[in-house]
Amino acid sequence: MSILKLKPACKDYLWGGHRLVDEYNVEYEGDILAEAWELSCHPDGPSIIMNGPYKGKSLRDYLEAEGMEVLGTHCRRFREFPILTKFIDAKDNLLIQVHPSNGFALQNEGQYGKTEMWYVLDAEEGAFLYYGFKQEITREEFAKRIEENTLLEVLNAVPVKKGDVLFIESGTLHAIGKGILIAEIQQNSNVTYRVYDYGRVGKDGKKRDLHIEKALAVTSRVPIIKSGSEYPHVADCDYFTVDKLNLDGRLTYRMQGTVTGESFLSILILDGEGKISCKGESVSYRKGDSFFLAAGSGDWQIEGRCDALLTTIREKASPIRAGVIIGSTETQIGLVNDHQQIIAMRTFPTDVVKDASEFIDEVAQATLDLLKEQEIPLDQCIGVGAGVPGTIDRREGKVIYSNNLRWRDVDLVKELGRVIPCPVRIANDADCAALGEAVAPARTTPTLSCSLSAAASAAA
C-alpha cells in the first residue's frame, strides 16, 4: 500500500474544545479534544494506520518493519522520525510556554528540542496569540515579571485570522489564545517548559508545575523579526518544508507530483473532499484526514476540492559530519564540511588499557567539545562516522574483535550514540583509508585527513 491513511492520537488537555470532532471528523468519545496528533511516531501518542497490510498497526510499527529508508535520504541525519503534525483546538487560552533548542533538550531531557509552525484554520472575532516580546528585556526583568504575574504586559499579542502563518523557532515564548483552531507542524518532540498558566489547576485540582529556571535559560528575550525567507513555501527550515495546496474543484481540480527517494510526503487535509492516487491505488479523503506516502513512491495525484498542507524534508543547509579514527596508539577526530574539507581536528592517545565503554565516552565527549570550540550547534552535525581496526559488523554497529584495541563485542554505535545525539555509523579503518582516496585523494590531502574524511562520509 503506497498511501497510508492515519488515525490520530487524541489528547484531552483541559483547555480544549470539541471542534475537531464536530468539524474535522476525528473519532473520539470524550467531551474535550484539545489536540489530534495526525502524523506521529512519538511514544506519547503514535498515529495508527487505517488501511492496507499494516491496518491497525502504529506508524512506528510500520517504520520498524519497513526500515528508515521509507523516510528518504534527506532523513538519514535523524535518528528518529523527524516531525509531528497536529490539529489544535484552543477553546481556552493555552499556557505561556517555550521550547528548548536541540542542544539544550538533548543534554537535559534526552530528546530533541522543538521548532514548529502554525497555520491558523479559524479564529473567533478578536482572537489573538502571544508571539515573543514587545521589546527586549533582561533575564532579571523576565524572572521578576514571572514572579509578580506581570509577564503578559511585555508579551507581543498578535491578532490572527484564518490563513495566517507563524513560524515558532525554539527559544520563542508563545501561546495560542482562546477561540483559535490551528494546524501545527513541528519537530518530533514533546518538550515544553511552562512559564505562566493563569493560575489554573489540572484534573487533580492542583496547579501544574512550571519550569522557570529552564525557561530562563532557553528563552530569547528580543522581539521577533519576521522574514520572507521561506518563500515560496508556507514554512521552510532544516526540520520541515511545508507547502499549501488549494484545489477549488472547478478551475483547479487536479494536482500531480512525484515522491522521490529524497523524502516522504505528508498530506494533511484542512478542508474539502476527493481522492488521492498513487501506483494504481486510490484513497478517498475528507476534511481532517492525514496521509503518509513513503519516499520513492513515485508519481501521485490528488483531485477534487481541498485545502491541504504538504510536508517534506529537504536537505540540511551547511551540514557538518564528524569523522573519528580510533587507532592502537592515537585517536583522531575531525569535523568535515559538505565539500569534504576538514575544518577542525583533535588528536589524543588511545588508552587500550582503559575499559572500552569508558574510552568511547571520552571520544564522544571530545567530539562534542570540538563542536563547541568551533561554535557549531549540535544539530548542525548530521552524523558521526568511526573507523576502527579489526572485524566490524557495520549493520549491527559493533566491533566484533580488535586485537589492536583489545576489544571484543563492543557496541560502538550504541556507546557513541549515548553521548552524541546523531546517527552513528562505523567501518574498518583500512576501508576508511581506501574510501578516503576516493573522496579526498592523498596526493592533495594527507593520509590522515583522507581517513577522517572517509570516516565522516561513512556517516552519510
Protein backbone atom coordinates (compact mmCIF):
# COMPACT_ATOMS: atom_id res chain seq x y z
CA MET A 1 0.00 0.00 0.00
CA SER A 2 1.67 3.22 -1.13
CA ILE A 3 -0.81 5.62 0.52
CA LEU A 4 -1.18 5.22 4.28
CA LYS A 5 -4.24 6.80 5.86
CA LEU A 6 -3.68 7.63 9.52
CA LYS A 7 -5.86 7.77 12.61
CA PRO A 8 -4.67 10.38 15.12
CA ALA A 9 -3.76 10.04 18.77
CA CYS A 10 -6.14 12.23 20.80
CA LYS A 11 -5.31 14.50 23.75
CA ASP A 12 -7.89 15.82 26.23
CA TYR A 13 -5.98 18.75 27.73
CA LEU A 14 -8.18 20.96 29.92
CA TRP A 15 -8.13 23.98 27.55
CA GLY A 16 -9.51 22.05 24.56
CA GLY A 17 -12.93 22.10 22.89
CA HIS A 18 -14.89 19.74 20.63
CA ARG A 19 -14.49 21.22 17.14
CA LEU A 20 -12.06 18.58 15.93
CA VAL A 21 -14.82 16.00 16.43
CA ASP A 22 -17.67 18.18 15.18
CA GLU A 23 -15.94 19.70 12.15
CA TYR A 24 -12.80 17.67 11.37
CA ASN A 25 -14.21 14.14 11.58
CA VAL A 26 -11.89 12.97 14.36
CA GLU A 27 -13.29 9.83 16.00
CA TYR A 28 -13.32 10.47 19.72
CA GLU A 29 -15.74 9.69 22.57
CA GLY A 30 -14.70 12.23 25.21
CA ASP A 31 -16.09 15.68 25.98
CA ILE A 32 -12.81 17.55 25.41
CA LEU A 33 -10.44 17.09 22.48
CA ALA A 34 -7.60 19.59 22.57
CA GLU A 35 -5.17 18.01 20.09
CA ALA A 36 -5.26 15.35 17.40
CA TRP A 37 -1.75 14.07 16.59
CA GLU A 38 -2.35 13.31 12.93
CA LEU A 39 1.14 12.18 11.91
CA SER A 40 3.08 10.91 14.88
CA CYS A 41 5.69 8.33 15.80
CA HIS A 42 6.15 9.86 19.24
CA PRO A 43 5.78 7.36 22.12
CA ASP A 44 3.40 9.79 23.86
CA GLY A 45 0.87 9.30 21.06
CA PRO A 46 1.64 7.40 17.82
CA SER A 47 -0.87 7.59 14.97
CA ILE A 48 -2.46 4.35 13.70
CA ILE A 49 -2.60 3.10 10.11
CA MET A 50 -6.19 2.65 8.86
CA ASN A 51 -5.68 0.77 5.58
CA GLY A 52 -3.55 -1.81 3.78
CA PRO A 53 -1.44 -4.63 5.19
CA TYR A 54 -0.43 -2.56 8.23
CA LYS A 55 -4.01 -1.68 9.20
CA GLY A 56 -4.29 -1.42 12.98
CA LYS A 57 -0.53 -1.03 13.43
CA SER A 58 1.11 2.19 14.54
CA LEU A 59 3.19 4.29 12.19
CA ARG A 60 6.09 3.41 14.46
CA ASP A 61 5.44 -0.32 13.85
CA TYR A 62 5.43 0.36 10.10
CA LEU A 63 8.85 2.05 10.26
CA GLU A 64 10.31 -0.78 12.30
CA ALA A 65 9.07 -3.30 9.72
CA GLU A 66 9.93 -1.38 6.55
CA GLY A 67 13.07 0.39 7.76
CA MET A 68 14.01 4.05 7.93
CA GLU A 69 14.62 4.05 4.17
CA VAL A 70 10.94 4.86 3.65
CA LEU A 71 11.67 8.31 5.08
CA GLY A 72 14.13 9.17 2.30
CA THR A 73 17.77 10.12 2.03
CA HIS A 74 17.22 13.60 3.47
CA CYS A 75 16.12 11.96 6.72
CA ARG A 76 19.29 9.93 7.26
CA ARG A 77 20.54 12.66 9.57
CA PHE A 78 17.70 11.96 12.02
CA ARG A 79 17.84 9.08 14.47
CA GLU A 80 14.05 9.09 14.75
CA PHE A 81 11.01 10.13 12.73
CA PRO A 82 11.60 13.87 12.22
CA ILE A 83 8.19 15.58 12.54
CA LEU A 84 4.86 15.57 14.34
CA THR A 85 1.69 17.01 12.76
CA LYS A 86 -1.29 18.17 14.84
CA PHE A 87 -4.68 19.81 14.83
CA ILE A 88 -5.16 22.04 17.90
CA ASP A 89 -8.50 23.36 19.19
CA ALA A 90 -7.99 26.09 21.82
CA LYS A 91 -11.35 26.73 23.46
CA ASP A 92 -9.45 28.43 26.26
CA ASN A 93 -6.04 30.10 26.47
CA LEU A 94 -3.01 27.85 26.38
CA LEU A 95 -0.30 28.45 28.94
CA ILE A 96 2.66 30.70 28.16
CA GLN A 97 5.47 28.35 27.18
CA VAL A 98 8.80 27.97 25.42
CA HIS A 99 10.57 25.07 23.70
CA PRO A 100 14.32 24.48 24.03
CA SER A 101 16.84 24.08 21.23
CA ASN A 102 18.11 20.65 20.25
CA GLY A 103 21.35 21.08 22.17
CA PHE A 104 19.69 22.07 25.45
CA ALA A 105 16.91 19.48 25.16
CA LEU A 106 19.26 16.63 24.31
CA GLN A 107 21.52 17.49 27.21
CA ASN A 108 18.73 17.98 29.76
CA GLU A 109 15.74 15.95 28.54
CA GLY A 110 17.21 13.18 26.40
CA GLN A 111 15.17 14.14 23.33
CA TYR A 112 15.20 16.79 20.63
CA GLY A 113 14.01 20.36 21.09
CA LYS A 114 11.14 21.85 19.16
CA THR A 115 10.79 24.30 16.32
CA GLU A 116 7.26 24.49 14.91
CA MET A 117 4.91 26.37 12.59
CA TRP A 118 1.25 27.27 12.97
CA TYR A 119 -1.32 27.56 10.22
CA VAL A 120 -4.47 29.27 11.53
CA LEU A 121 -7.53 27.28 10.43
CA ASP A 122 -10.05 29.53 12.13
CA ALA A 123 -10.19 32.29 14.73
CA GLU A 124 -13.02 33.95 16.59
CA GLU A 125 -13.50 37.70 16.29
CA GLY A 126 -10.82 39.43 18.36
CA ALA A 127 -8.75 36.27 18.86
CA PHE A 128 -5.01 36.68 19.39
CA LEU A 129 -1.96 34.73 20.40
CA TYR A 130 1.31 35.56 22.13
CA TYR A 131 4.44 35.55 19.99
CA GLY A 132 7.64 36.72 21.66
CA PHE A 133 8.21 40.08 23.37
CA LYS A 134 7.21 43.65 22.51
CA GLN A 135 10.73 44.84 23.27
CA GLU A 136 13.98 43.36 24.52
CA ILE A 137 14.06 42.66 28.25
CA THR A 138 16.76 41.41 30.59
CA ARG A 139 16.83 37.99 32.18
CA GLU A 140 16.30 39.68 35.55
CA GLU A 141 13.19 41.51 34.37
CA PHE A 142 11.88 38.31 32.78
CA ALA A 143 12.27 36.43 36.08
CA LYS A 144 10.72 39.28 38.11
CA ARG A 145 7.67 39.57 35.86
CA ILE A 146 7.05 35.83 36.10
CA GLU A 147 7.22 36.07 39.89
CA GLU A 148 4.97 39.16 40.05
CA ASN A 149 2.44 37.90 37.43
CA THR A 150 3.09 40.87 35.12
CA LEU A 151 4.63 38.90 32.24
CA LEU A 152 1.68 39.47 29.90
CA GLU A 153 2.39 43.21 29.90
CA VAL A 154 5.57 42.75 27.85
CA LEU A 155 4.46 39.96 25.53
CA ASN A 156 3.68 40.57 21.87
CA ALA A 157 -0.06 39.93 21.41
CA VAL A 158 -0.76 39.19 17.72
CA PRO A 159 -4.35 39.29 16.35
CA VAL A 160 -4.88 36.41 13.92
CA LYS A 161 -7.35 35.34 11.26
CA LYS A 162 -7.89 32.29 9.09
CA GLY A 163 -4.91 31.60 6.83
CA ASP A 164 -2.26 33.31 8.97
CA VAL A 165 1.07 31.51 9.39
CA LEU A 166 3.56 31.86 12.23
CA PHE A 167 6.98 30.22 12.49
CA ILE A 168 7.96 29.50 16.09
CA GLU A 169 11.66 28.84 16.37
CA SER A 170 12.93 27.13 19.52
CA GLY A 171 13.50 29.70 22.25
CA THR A 172 10.44 31.77 21.28
CA LEU A 173 8.00 32.45 24.11
CA HIS A 174 4.47 31.79 22.79
CA ALA A 175 0.89 30.75 23.50
CA ILE A 176 -2.24 30.08 21.46
CA GLY A 177 -5.17 32.22 22.59
CA LYS A 178 -8.74 31.03 23.08
CA GLY A 179 -11.02 30.71 20.09
CA ILE A 180 -8.25 29.67 17.69
CA LEU A 181 -8.03 26.47 15.65
CA ILE A 182 -4.58 25.58 14.34
CA ALA A 183 -2.71 23.06 12.20
CA GLU A 184 0.79 22.59 13.57
CA ILE A 185 3.88 21.06 12.01
CA GLN A 186 6.71 20.58 14.49
CA GLN A 187 9.83 18.66 15.31
CA ASN A 188 9.12 15.24 16.77
CA SER A 189 9.39 16.32 20.38
CA ASN A 190 7.12 16.78 23.37
CA VAL A 191 9.41 19.03 25.43
CA THR A 192 7.65 22.14 26.70
CA TYR A 193 8.72 24.48 29.50
CA ARG A 194 5.73 26.08 31.21
CA VAL A 195 6.17 29.72 32.17
CA TYR A 196 2.71 31.06 33.12
CA ASP A 197 -0.65 29.25 33.37
CA TYR A 198 -3.18 31.88 34.52
CA GLY A 199 -3.40 30.18 37.94
CA ARG A 200 -5.34 27.22 36.54
CA VAL A 201 -5.45 23.77 38.11
CA GLY A 202 -5.28 20.36 36.44
CA LYS A 203 -7.61 17.38 36.71
CA ASP A 204 -6.13 16.59 40.12
CA GLY A 205 -7.14 20.04 41.44
CA LYS A 206 -3.52 21.17 41.73
CA LYS A 207 -1.67 23.86 39.86
CA ARG A 208 0.61 22.45 37.18
CA ASP A 209 4.34 22.64 37.74
CA LEU A 210 6.18 25.44 35.98
CA HIS A 211 9.72 25.22 34.63
CA ILE A 212 11.02 28.69 35.38
CA GLU A 213 14.77 28.05 35.58
CA LYS A 214 14.86 26.10 32.34
CA ALA A 215 12.67 28.69 30.64
CA LEU A 216 15.01 31.47 31.76
CA ALA A 217 17.91 29.52 30.29
CA VAL A 218 16.45 28.94 26.82
CA THR A 219 14.14 31.90 26.08
CA SER A 220 15.13 34.52 23.51
CA ARG A 221 14.18 37.86 25.07
CA VAL A 222 14.32 40.03 21.95
CA PRO A 223 11.41 40.86 19.60
CA ILE A 224 10.92 38.58 16.60
CA ILE A 225 11.76 39.98 13.19
CA LYS A 226 9.70 38.16 10.56
CA SER A 227 11.38 37.44 7.24
CA GLY A 228 10.17 36.16 3.92
CA SER A 229 12.97 33.61 3.63
CA GLU A 230 10.51 30.72 3.46
CA TYR A 231 9.05 31.91 0.14
CA PRO A 232 7.66 30.20 -1.94
CA HIS A 233 6.86 27.78 0.89
CA VAL A 234 4.48 28.28 3.81
CA ALA A 235 7.37 27.31 6.08
CA ASP A 236 10.89 26.09 5.38
CA CYS A 237 13.64 25.08 7.80
CA ASP A 238 16.11 22.26 8.39
CA TYR A 239 13.38 20.20 10.07
CA PHE A 240 10.48 20.51 7.62
CA THR A 241 9.27 22.21 4.46
CA VAL A 242 5.53 22.95 4.27
CA ASP A 243 3.60 23.90 1.13
CA LYS A 244 -0.04 24.90 0.80
CA LEU A 245 -2.26 23.21 -1.79
CA ASN A 246 -5.61 24.60 -2.90
CA LEU A 247 -7.96 22.93 -5.38
CA ASP A 248 -11.22 24.83 -5.89
CA GLY A 249 -12.88 21.91 -7.68
CA ARG A 250 -13.51 23.93 -10.84
CA LEU A 251 -10.60 25.82 -12.39
CA THR A 252 -8.13 23.73 -10.42
CA TYR A 253 -9.40 20.21 -9.92
CA ARG A 254 -6.26 18.08 -10.04
CA MET A 255 -2.61 18.34 -8.99
CA GLN A 256 0.15 15.88 -9.85
CA GLY A 257 3.54 15.38 -8.24
CA THR A 258 6.33 12.90 -7.58
CA VAL A 259 7.50 11.49 -4.26
CA THR A 260 11.22 10.99 -4.85
CA GLY A 261 13.67 8.94 -2.83
CA GLU A 262 14.78 12.08 -1.02
CA SER A 263 11.80 12.50 1.30
CA PHE A 264 8.45 11.09 2.32
CA LEU A 265 5.32 13.18 1.78
CA SER A 266 2.77 14.05 4.48
CA ILE A 267 -0.64 15.30 3.32
CA LEU A 268 -2.88 16.99 5.89
CA ILE A 269 -6.37 17.80 4.59
CA LEU A 270 -7.66 21.09 6.02
CA ASP A 271 -10.91 21.16 4.04
CA GLY A 272 -12.74 19.54 1.11
CA GLU A 273 -13.07 16.06 -0.30
CA GLY A 274 -11.82 13.98 -3.23
CA LYS A 275 -9.28 11.22 -3.81
CA ILE A 276 -5.54 10.63 -3.79
CA SER A 277 -3.94 8.18 -6.24
CA CYS A 278 -0.51 6.55 -6.42
CA LYS A 279 0.76 3.36 -8.10
CA GLY A 280 -2.69 2.38 -9.27
CA GLU A 281 -4.25 2.81 -5.82
CA SER A 282 -6.85 5.41 -4.88
CA VAL A 283 -7.91 6.53 -1.42
CA SER A 284 -10.72 8.98 -0.72
CA TYR A 285 -10.14 11.96 1.55
CA ARG A 286 -12.22 14.44 3.52
CA LYS A 287 -11.66 17.31 5.91
CA GLY A 288 -9.37 16.33 8.79
CA ASP A 289 -7.67 13.36 7.08
CA SER A 290 -3.94 12.67 7.20
CA PHE A 291 -1.88 10.59 4.76
CA PHE A 292 1.71 9.34 4.53
CA LEU A 293 3.46 8.45 1.25
CA ALA A 294 6.83 6.75 1.62
CA ALA A 295 9.93 8.11 -0.10
CA GLY A 296 10.27 6.70 -3.59
CA SER A 297 6.52 6.20 -4.05
CA GLY A 298 6.79 7.90 -7.44
CA ASP A 299 4.05 9.76 -9.30
CA TRP A 300 0.91 10.65 -7.37
CA GLN A 301 -2.07 12.91 -7.85
CA ILE A 302 -4.82 14.48 -5.82
CA GLU A 303 -8.15 15.57 -7.24
CA GLY A 304 -11.36 17.12 -6.02
CA ARG A 305 -11.76 20.18 -3.83
CA CYS A 306 -9.38 20.78 -0.96
CA ASP A 307 -7.09 22.90 1.14
CA ALA A 308 -4.10 20.86 2.31
CA LEU A 309 -0.65 21.17 3.82
CA LEU A 310 2.09 19.12 2.13
CA THR A 311 5.16 18.44 4.27
CA THR A 312 8.54 17.11 3.14
CA ILE A 313 12.10 17.16 4.48
CA ARG A 314 14.75 19.00 2.49
CA GLU A 315 18.50 18.60 2.53
CA LYS A 316 20.11 20.24 5.54
CA ALA A 317 21.83 23.55 4.91
CA SER A 318 25.61 23.63 5.57
CA PRO A 319 25.86 20.20 7.22
CA ILE A 320 28.83 19.09 9.27
CA ARG A 321 29.93 15.49 9.85
CA ALA A 322 32.34 14.18 12.44
CA GLY A 323 34.96 11.61 11.49
CA VAL A 324 36.69 9.50 14.15
CA ILE A 325 39.68 7.20 13.60
CA ILE A 326 40.47 5.06 16.67
CA GLY A 327 43.98 3.64 16.26
CA SER A 328 46.06 1.46 18.54
CA THR A 329 48.25 4.37 19.64
CA GLU A 330 46.25 7.52 18.95
CA THR A 331 42.72 8.66 18.17
CA GLN A 332 41.89 11.43 15.73
CA ILE A 333 38.66 13.42 15.46
CA GLY A 334 37.87 15.71 12.54
CA LEU A 335 34.94 17.92 11.57
CA VAL A 336 34.22 17.74 7.85
CA ASN A 337 32.02 20.08 5.80
CA ASP A 338 29.92 19.19 2.77
CA HIS A 339 32.92 19.85 0.48
CA GLN A 340 34.92 17.10 2.24
CA GLN A 341 37.15 19.73 3.83
CA ILE A 342 38.36 19.18 7.38
CA ILE A 343 37.64 22.36 9.32
CA ALA A 344 38.93 21.25 12.72
CA MET A 345 40.92 18.33 14.16
CA ARG A 346 41.92 16.90 17.51
CA THR A 347 44.38 14.09 18.33
CA PHE A 348 44.96 12.32 21.65
CA PRO A 349 46.46 9.00 22.83
CA THR A 350 44.38 5.83 22.67
CA ASP A 351 44.28 4.18 26.07
CA VAL A 352 43.94 0.47 25.23
CA VAL A 353 44.12 -0.45 28.92
CA LYS A 354 41.01 1.53 29.77
CA ASP A 355 37.58 -0.12 29.62
CA ALA A 356 36.11 0.24 26.11
CA SER A 357 32.93 1.93 27.31
CA GLU A 358 34.87 4.47 29.35
CA PHE A 359 37.20 5.29 26.47
CA ILE A 360 34.32 5.63 23.99
CA ASP A 361 32.69 8.12 26.37
CA GLU A 362 35.92 10.16 26.23
CA VAL A 363 35.88 10.05 22.42
CA ALA A 364 32.25 11.15 22.33
CA GLN A 365 32.83 13.99 24.78
CA ALA A 366 35.91 15.12 22.85
CA THR A 367 33.78 15.26 19.70
CA LEU A 368 31.17 17.40 21.46
CA ASP A 369 33.93 19.66 22.83
CA LEU A 370 35.38 20.12 19.35
CA LEU A 371 31.97 21.17 18.01
CA LYS A 372 31.60 23.61 20.89
CA GLU A 373 35.09 25.08 20.34
CA GLN A 374 34.21 25.72 16.70
CA GLU A 375 30.87 27.26 17.75
CA ILE A 376 28.99 24.70 15.66
CA PRO A 377 25.48 23.93 17.01
CA LEU A 378 24.96 20.28 17.85
CA ASP A 379 22.09 19.95 15.39
CA GLN A 380 24.40 21.12 12.58
CA CYS A 381 26.26 17.82 12.88
CA ILE A 382 24.25 15.32 10.84
CA GLY A 383 26.25 12.21 11.61
CA VAL A 384 29.35 10.59 13.09
CA GLY A 385 31.47 8.04 11.23
CA ALA A 386 34.06 5.99 13.10
CA GLY A 387 36.93 3.92 11.65
CA VAL A 388 38.24 1.11 13.86
CA PRO A 389 40.85 -1.63 13.28
CA GLY A 390 39.58 -5.19 13.39
CA THR A 391 36.50 -7.14 12.39
CA ILE A 392 33.46 -4.87 12.13
CA ASP A 393 29.74 -5.61 11.85
CA ARG A 394 28.56 -2.40 10.17
CA ARG A 395 24.90 -3.43 10.14
CA GLU A 396 24.80 -4.05 13.89
CA GLY A 397 27.23 -1.23 14.66
CA LYS A 398 29.59 -3.47 16.60
CA VAL A 399 33.31 -4.18 16.81
CA ILE A 400 33.36 -7.97 16.83
CA TYR A 401 37.08 -8.21 17.55
CA SER A 402 40.00 -5.80 17.51
CA ASN A 403 43.39 -7.15 18.55
CA ASN A 404 44.90 -3.65 18.33
CA LEU A 405 42.41 -2.21 20.82
CA ARG A 406 41.84 -5.39 22.88
CA TRP A 407 38.11 -5.07 22.17
CA ARG A 408 35.63 -7.89 21.74
CA ASP A 409 31.89 -7.49 21.06
CA VAL A 410 31.88 -3.73 21.66
CA ASP A 411 28.64 -1.98 20.63
CA LEU A 412 30.40 1.13 19.38
CA VAL A 413 27.39 2.74 17.68
CA LYS A 414 25.25 2.39 20.78
CA GLU A 415 28.01 3.62 23.10
CA LEU A 416 28.81 6.69 20.99
CA GLY A 417 25.11 7.39 20.49
CA ARG A 418 24.52 7.57 24.24
CA VAL A 419 26.56 10.77 24.33
CA ILE A 420 26.31 12.13 20.77
CA PRO A 421 22.65 12.51 19.67
CA CYS A 422 23.38 11.97 15.95
CA PRO A 423 23.22 8.98 13.64
CA VAL A 424 26.44 6.97 14.11
CA ARG A 425 27.99 4.52 11.64
CA ILE A 426 31.22 2.54 11.77
CA ALA A 427 33.65 0.93 9.33
CA ASN A 428 37.02 -0.80 9.33
CA ASP A 429 39.84 1.75 9.42
CA ALA A 430 41.54 0.26 6.35
CA ASP A 431 38.28 0.56 4.43
CA CYS A 432 38.13 4.19 5.52
CA ALA A 433 41.63 4.78 4.15
CA ALA A 434 40.62 3.25 0.82
CA LEU A 435 37.41 5.26 0.69
CA GLY A 436 39.44 8.35 1.57
CA GLU A 437 41.35 8.00 -1.69
CA ALA A 438 38.05 8.38 -3.49
CA VAL A 439 36.63 11.31 -1.52
CA ALA A 440 39.91 13.19 -0.80
CA PRO A 441 42.93 11.81 -2.69
CA ALA A 442 46.18 11.63 -0.75
CA ARG A 443 48.07 13.48 -3.47
CA THR A 444 46.27 16.62 -2.36
CA THR A 445 45.31 15.64 1.19
CA PRO A 446 47.41 13.96 3.92
CA THR A 447 46.59 10.30 4.55
CA LEU A 448 45.15 11.02 7.99
CA SER A 449 42.86 13.64 6.52
CA CYS A 450 41.76 11.16 3.86
CA SER A 451 40.79 8.66 6.53
CA LEU A 452 38.92 11.23 8.59
CA SER A 453 37.05 12.46 5.51
CA ALA A 454 36.15 8.88 4.65
CA ALA A 455 35.00 8.13 8.20
CA ALA A 456 32.80 11.20 8.07
CA SER A 457 31.48 10.12 4.68
CA ALA A 458 30.53 6.78 6.20
CA ALA A 459 28.08 8.69 8.38
CA ALA A 460 26.06 9.75 5.32
